[in-house]
Amino acid sequence: MSLLSSRGHSDGHTSNAAVCGVVADRDDVCRRAASAERLTFVPADFFVRVPDGGDCYLLKNLPHNWSPDSCRRILVSTREAMICTARARGAADPQPQLLVIEALMERTEDTVRAIFQMVICEEDARA
């Protein structure tokens, strides 16, 4: 889960130098992550709560890594963060956007890998 925020200029335009990001992931992942000037790692359980305040919420490899129920839970918590952000900003300010990136499956081995990945990621499968 990533939140991309742009520190806008007074004219409403941003440059690449103004973009910063927040990666919300498990605590152990955040502890291992290398620090970067414009990238912050925040421990979060995205099934429960996603940090608010982002200009863009980026979900990558969501459908093929998680079961439909888990995807729904992640999307609901993301929507709640986006609603909270929109309310805090007000109607006149730009509203948060959702960007979902998912690979296309063209070969049988891609599908098998995706199913394996979903089983590995799914929380009940690890118990």
C-alpha atoms as a PDB file:
ATOM      1  CA  MET A   1       0.000   0.000   0.000  1.00  0.00           C
ATOM      2  CA  SER A   2       1.482   3.340  -0.990  1.00  0.00           C
ATOM      3  CA  LEU A   3       0.245   6.878  -0.472  1.00  0.00           C
ATOM      4  CA  LEU A   4       1.737   9.379  -2.836  1.00  0.00           C
ATOM      5  CA  SER A   5       1.613  12.993  -1.776  1.00  0.00           C
ATOM      6  CA  SER A   6       2.689  15.946  -3.814  1.00  0.00           C
ATOM      7  CA  ARG A   7       3.740  19.097  -2.111  1.00  0.00           C
ATOM      8  CA  GLY A   8       2.099  21.511  -4.502  1.00  0.00           C
ATOM      9  CA  HIS A   9       3.365  24.900  -5.485  1.00  0.00           C
ATOM     10  CA  SER A  10       1.186  27.930  -4.932  1.00  0.00           C
ATOM     11  CA  ASP A  11       0.026  27.766  -8.549  1.00  0.00           C
ATOM     12  CA  GLY A  12      -1.250  24.212  -8.066  1.00  0.00           C
ATOM     13  CA  HIS A  13       1.476  22.569 -10.161  1.00  0.00           C
ATOM     14  CA  THR A  14       3.910  20.016  -8.845  1.00  0.00           C
ATOM     15  CA  SER A  15       7.230  18.754 -10.034  1.00  0.00           C
ATOM     16  CA  ASN A  16       8.775  15.324  -9.580  1.00  0.00           C
ATOM     17  CA  ALA A  17      10.978  16.826  -6.893  1.00  0.00           C
ATOM     18  CA  ALA A  18       7.844  17.647  -4.886  1.00  0.00           C
ATOM     19  CA  VAL A  19       6.491  14.090  -4.779  1.00  0.00           C
ATOM     20  CA  CYS A  20       6.942  12.091  -1.603  1.00  0.00           C
ATOM     21  CA  GLY A  21       5.567   8.729  -0.626  1.00  0.00           C
ATOM     22  CA  VAL A  22       4.391   6.725   2.337  1.00  0.00           C
ATOM     23  CA  VAL A  23       4.599   2.947   2.225  1.00  0.00           C
ATOM     24  CA  ALA A  24       2.178   1.308   4.643  1.00  0.00           C
ATOM     25  CA  ASP A  25       3.165  -2.293   5.320  1.00  0.00           C
ATOM     26  CA  ARG A  26       3.705  -4.804   8.088  1.00  0.00           C
ATOM     27  CA  ASP A  27       5.900  -3.677  10.972  1.00  0.00           C
ATOM     28  CA  ASP A  28       8.685  -6.156  10.119  1.00  0.00           C
ATOM     29  CA  VAL A  29       8.781  -4.924   6.507  1.00  0.00           C
ATOM     30  CA  CYS A  30       9.021  -1.289   7.645  1.00  0.00           C
ATOM     31  CA  ARG A  31      11.878  -2.105  10.040  1.00  0.00           C
ATOM     32  CA  ARG A  32      13.887  -3.745   7.218  1.00  0.00           C
ATOM     33  CA  ALA A  33      13.218  -0.991   4.690  1.00  0.00           C
ATOM     34  CA  ALA A  34      15.970   1.364   3.707  1.00  0.00           C
ATOM     35  CA  SER A  35      15.263   5.002   4.415  1.00  0.00           C
ATOM     36  CA  ALA A  36      15.001   7.454   1.579  1.00  0.00           C
ATOM     37  CA  GLU A  37      14.758  11.222   1.440  1.00  0.00           C
ATOM     38  CA  ARG A  38      11.186  11.365   0.132  1.00  0.00           C
ATOM     39  CA  LEU A  39       9.914   7.958   1.215  1.00  0.00           C
ATOM     40  CA  THR A  40       8.532   7.089   4.644  1.00  0.00           C
ATOM     41  CA  PHE A  41       7.619   3.608   5.874  1.00  0.00           C
ATOM     42  CA  VAL A  42       4.644   3.392   8.239  1.00  0.00           C
ATOM     43  CA  PRO A  43       3.646   0.159   9.979  1.00  0.00           C
ATOM     44  CA  ALA A  44      -0.022  -0.536   9.285  1.00  0.00           C
ATOM     45  CA  ASP A  45      -2.544  -3.333   9.104  1.00  0.00           C
ATOM     46  CA  PHE A  46      -4.281  -2.378   5.861  1.00  0.00           C
ATOM     47  CA  PHE A  47      -7.099  -4.813   6.643  1.00  0.00           C
ATOM     48  CA  VAL A  48      -8.003  -2.536   9.564  1.00  0.00           C
ATOM     49  CA  ARG A  49      -6.817   1.005   8.781  1.00  0.00           C
ATOM     50  CA  VAL A  50      -4.939   2.718   5.980  1.00  0.00           C
ATOM     51  CA  PRO A  51      -3.152   5.998   6.798  1.00  0.00           C
ATOM     52  CA  ASP A  52      -5.055   8.993   5.476  1.00  0.00           C
ATOM     53  CA  GLY A  53      -3.659  12.181   3.927  1.00  0.00           C
ATOM     54  CA  GLY A  54      -2.492  10.873   0.551  1.00  0.00           C
ATOM     55  CA  ASP A  55      -3.095  12.524  -2.800  1.00  0.00           C
ATOM     56  CA  CYS A  56      -3.027   9.127  -4.500  1.00  0.00           C
ATOM     57  CA  TYR A  57      -3.521   5.670  -3.029  1.00  0.00           C
ATOM     58  CA  LEU A  58      -1.610   3.040  -4.969  1.00  0.00           C
ATOM     59  CA  LEU A  59      -2.589  -0.625  -4.746  1.00  0.00           C
ATOM     60  CA  LYS A  60      -0.319  -2.989  -6.665  1.00  0.00           C
ATOM     61  CA  ASN A  61      -0.900  -6.724  -7.198  1.00  0.00           C
ATOM     62  CA  LEU A  62      -3.973  -6.690  -4.998  1.00  0.00           C
ATOM     63  CA  PRO A  63      -6.408  -9.033  -6.784  1.00  0.00           C
ATOM     64  CA  HIS A  64      -3.951 -11.827  -7.506  1.00  0.00           C
ATOM     65  CA  ASN A  65      -2.253 -11.692  -4.091  1.00  0.00           C
ATOM     66  CA  TRP A  66      -5.373 -11.844  -1.948  1.00  0.00           C
ATOM     67  CA  SER A  67      -8.695 -13.658  -1.787  1.00  0.00           C
ATOM     68  CA  PRO A  68     -11.836 -11.756  -2.848  1.00  0.00           C
ATOM     69  CA  ASP A  69     -12.828 -11.227   0.803  1.00  0.00           C
ATOM     70  CA  SER A  70      -9.372  -9.907   1.715  1.00  0.00           C
ATOM     71  CA  CYS A  71      -9.396  -7.618  -1.337  1.00  0.00           C
ATOM     72  CA  ARG A  72     -12.750  -6.247  -0.207  1.00  0.00           C
ATOM     73  CA  ARG A  73     -11.397  -5.557   3.291  1.00  0.00           C
ATOM     74  CA  ILE A  74      -8.338  -3.759   1.894  1.00  0.00           C
ATOM     75  CA  LEU A  75     -10.477  -1.694  -0.498  1.00  0.00           C
ATOM     76  CA  VAL A  76     -12.910  -0.741   2.296  1.00  0.00           C
ATOM     77  CA  SER A  77     -10.100   0.493   4.574  1.00  0.00           C
ATOM     78  CA  THR A  78      -8.545   2.377   1.646  1.00  0.00           C
ATOM     79  CA  ARG A  79     -11.895   3.992   0.832  1.00  0.00           C
ATOM     80  CA  GLU A  80     -12.272   5.060   4.476  1.00  0.00           C
ATOM     81  CA  ALA A  81      -8.832   6.720   4.408  1.00  0.00           C
ATOM     82  CA  MET A  82      -9.703   8.505   1.165  1.00  0.00           C
ATOM     83  CA  ILE A  83     -13.024   9.729   2.592  1.00  0.00           C
ATOM     84  CA  CYS A  84     -11.265  10.993   5.730  1.00  0.00           C
ATOM     85  CA  THR A  85      -8.702  12.806   3.578  1.00  0.00           C
ATOM     86  CA  ALA A  86     -11.392  14.351   1.361  1.00  0.00           C
ATOM     87  CA  ARG A  87     -13.382  15.592   4.361  1.00  0.00           C
ATOM     88  CA  ALA A  88     -10.290  17.131   5.937  1.00  0.00           C
ATOM     89  CA  ARG A  89      -9.441  18.962   2.709  1.00  0.00           C
ATOM     90  CA  GLY A  90     -12.875  20.245   1.812  1.00  0.00           C
ATOM     91  CA  ALA A  91     -14.647  20.383  -1.523  1.00  0.00           C
ATOM     92  CA  ALA A  92     -12.447  23.106  -3.028  1.00  0.00           C
ATOM     93  CA  ASP A  93      -9.213  21.105  -2.785  1.00  0.00           C
ATOM     94  CA  PRO A  94      -8.177  18.210  -5.049  1.00  0.00           C
ATOM     95  CA  GLN A  95      -9.618  14.929  -3.850  1.00  0.00           C
ATOM     96  CA  PRO A  96      -7.536  11.757  -3.364  1.00  0.00           C
ATOM     97  CA  GLN A  97      -7.302   9.330  -6.259  1.00  0.00           C
ATOM     98  CA  LEU A  98      -7.047   5.538  -6.327  1.00  0.00           C
ATOM     99  CA  LEU A  99      -4.588   3.838  -8.677  1.00  0.00           C
ATOM    100  CA  VAL A 100      -4.675   0.039  -9.020  1.00  0.00           C
ATOM    101  CA  ILE A 101      -1.840  -1.717 -10.852  1.00  0.00           C
ATOM    102  CA  GLU A 102      -2.336  -5.344 -11.809  1.00  0.00           C
ATOM    103  CA  ALA A 103      -0.364  -7.554 -14.158  1.00  0.00           C
ATOM    104  CA  LEU A 104      -2.165  -9.183 -17.060  1.00  0.00           C
ATOM    105  CA  MET A 105      -2.040 -12.962 -17.136  1.00  0.00           C
ATOM    106  CA  GLU A 106      -1.172 -14.188 -20.604  1.00  0.00           C
ATOM    107  CA  ARG A 107       0.422 -17.554 -19.939  1.00  0.00           C
ATOM    108  CA  THR A 108      -0.707 -20.561 -17.920  1.00  0.00           C
ATOM    109  CA  GLU A 109       2.400 -20.380 -15.736  1.00  0.00           C
ATOM    110  CA  ASP A 110       1.476 -16.772 -14.820  1.00  0.00           C
ATOM    111  CA  THR A 111      -1.895 -17.962 -13.543  1.00  0.00           C
ATOM    112  CA  VAL A 112      -0.322 -20.795 -11.533  1.00  0.00           C
ATOM    113  CA  ARG A 113       2.161 -18.353  -9.993  1.00  0.00           C
ATOM    114  CA  ALA A 114      -0.654 -15.930  -9.118  1.00  0.00           C
ATOM    115  CA  ILE A 115      -2.663 -18.653  -7.372  1.00  0.00           C
ATOM    116  CA  PHE A 116       0.443 -19.750  -5.446  1.00  0.00           C
ATOM    117  CA  GLN A 117       1.133 -16.122  -4.459  1.00  0.00           C
ATOM    118  CA  MET A 118      -2.451 -15.673  -3.229  1.00  0.00           C
ATOM    119  CA  VAL A 119      -2.154 -18.771  -1.032  1.00  0.00           C
ATOM    120  CA  ILE A 120       1.161 -17.551   0.415  1.00  0.00           C
ATOM    121  CA  CYS A 121      -0.150 -14.025   1.119  1.00  0.00           C
ATOM    122  CA  GLU A 122      -3.517 -15.020   2.528  1.00  0.00           C
ATOM    123  CA  GLU A 123      -3.449 -14.664   6.316  1.00  0.00           C
ATOM    124  CA  ASP A 124      -5.370 -17.863   7.092  1.00  0.00           C
ATOM    125  CA  ALA A 125      -3.044 -19.923   4.904  1.00  0.00           C
ATOM    126  CA  ARG A 126      -0.064 -19.152   7.139  1.00  0.00           C
ATOM    127  CA  ALA A 127      -1.628 -20.442  10.367  1.00  0.00           C
END
